[in-house]
Amino acid sequence: MSRKAFIATLEIQMVVLAETEEEAMELAEENMSEEVFNQLAKMEVEPLKYRPAGWDDNCIPYSHEREDITMAEVMDPQQGYFWE
């Protein structure tokens, strides 16, 4: 079976109590992994049909097969990863 590219979307919102924005950011970062775990049931996975906003050719997607593949390769129809 050939590999195809998918996009996994997970939106995270959390409330932190802090005195400053800096402290709020610190608290969010400290607790992010727990919150991500709590939200996994809401994750959406769909075939990749477009390049995600903010991703360029050098971005590296997660893969079990290759750690060096770039978005340029994924988006190249001749490579067979992209859904046509």
Protein backbone atom coordinates (compact mmCIF):
# COMPACT_ATOMS: atom_id res chain seq x y z
CA MET A 1 0.00 0.00 0.00
CA SER A 2 1.44 3.38 -0.94
CA ARG A 3 1.65 6.19 1.58
CA LYS A 4 -0.62 9.21 1.15
CA ALA A 5 -0.42 12.56 2.89
CA PHE A 6 -3.02 13.45 5.50
CA ILE A 7 -3.52 16.58 7.56
CA ALA A 8 -4.32 16.19 11.25
CA THR A 9 -6.03 19.19 12.85
CA LEU A 10 -6.26 19.68 16.57
CA GLU A 11 -7.47 22.97 18.02
CA ILE A 12 -6.42 23.61 21.60
CA GLN A 13 -7.90 26.15 23.96
CA MET A 14 -7.04 26.34 27.61
CA VAL A 15 -7.60 28.82 30.40
CA VAL A 16 -4.66 29.83 32.58
CA LEU A 17 -4.70 32.17 35.56
CA ALA A 18 -1.74 34.54 35.51
CA GLU A 19 -0.73 38.08 36.36
CA THR A 20 0.96 38.81 33.02
CA GLU A 21 0.89 37.56 29.42
CA GLU A 22 4.39 36.18 29.94
CA GLU A 23 3.25 34.14 32.93
CA ALA A 24 0.18 32.97 30.98
CA MET A 25 2.41 31.78 28.14
CA GLU A 26 4.68 29.97 30.59
CA LEU A 27 1.71 28.22 32.24
CA ALA A 28 0.27 27.24 28.87
CA GLU A 29 3.59 25.78 27.73
CA GLU A 30 4.02 23.86 31.00
CA ASN A 31 0.58 22.27 30.69
CA MET A 32 0.32 21.88 26.92
CA SER A 33 1.13 18.16 26.73
CA GLU A 34 -1.62 17.29 29.22
CA GLU A 35 -4.15 19.44 27.36
CA VAL A 36 -3.20 17.97 23.98
CA PHE A 37 -3.71 14.48 25.39
CA ASN A 38 -7.13 15.52 26.73
CA GLN A 39 -8.19 16.87 23.31
CA LEU A 40 -7.02 13.97 21.10
CA ALA A 41 -10.54 12.57 20.80
CA LYS A 42 -11.52 15.77 18.96
CA MET A 43 -8.70 15.54 16.40
CA GLU A 44 -9.73 15.50 12.74
CA VAL A 45 -7.72 13.64 10.08
CA GLU A 46 -8.38 14.12 6.38
CA PRO A 47 -6.54 13.65 3.10
CA LEU A 48 -4.08 16.44 2.33
CA LYS A 49 -5.47 18.34 -0.66
CA TYR A 50 -3.63 21.65 -0.21
CA ARG A 51 -0.49 22.99 1.42
CA PRO A 52 -1.32 24.11 4.98
CA ALA A 53 -0.99 27.84 5.66
CA GLY A 54 2.49 28.71 6.87
CA TRP A 55 4.12 25.57 5.44
CA ASP A 56 6.83 25.99 2.83
CA ASP A 57 8.78 23.52 0.69
CA ASN A 58 11.32 22.88 3.46
CA CYS A 59 8.83 21.86 6.17
CA ILE A 60 9.15 18.22 7.19
CA PRO A 61 5.99 16.18 7.87
CA TYR A 62 5.95 13.30 10.34
CA SER A 63 6.48 9.89 8.76
CA HIS A 64 7.23 6.33 9.88
CA GLU A 65 9.25 5.71 6.73
CA ARG A 66 11.36 8.81 6.19
CA GLU A 67 12.61 11.54 8.46
CA ASP A 68 14.03 13.66 5.65
CA ILE A 69 11.04 14.06 3.32
CA THR A 70 10.04 17.66 2.67
CA MET A 71 6.73 19.25 1.74
CA ALA A 72 8.18 19.91 -1.72
CA GLU A 73 8.37 16.13 -2.24
CA VAL A 74 4.96 15.50 -0.67
CA MET A 75 3.30 18.06 -2.94
CA ASP A 76 5.00 16.68 -6.09
CA PRO A 77 2.36 14.51 -7.84
CA GLN A 78 5.08 12.26 -9.30
CA GLN A 79 6.07 11.16 -5.78
CA GLY A 80 2.61 9.68 -5.15
CA TYR A 81 1.96 11.11 -1.68
CA PHE A 82 -0.51 13.79 -2.69
CA TRP A 83 -4.21 13.02 -3.17
CA GLU A 84 -5.26 13.85 -6.70
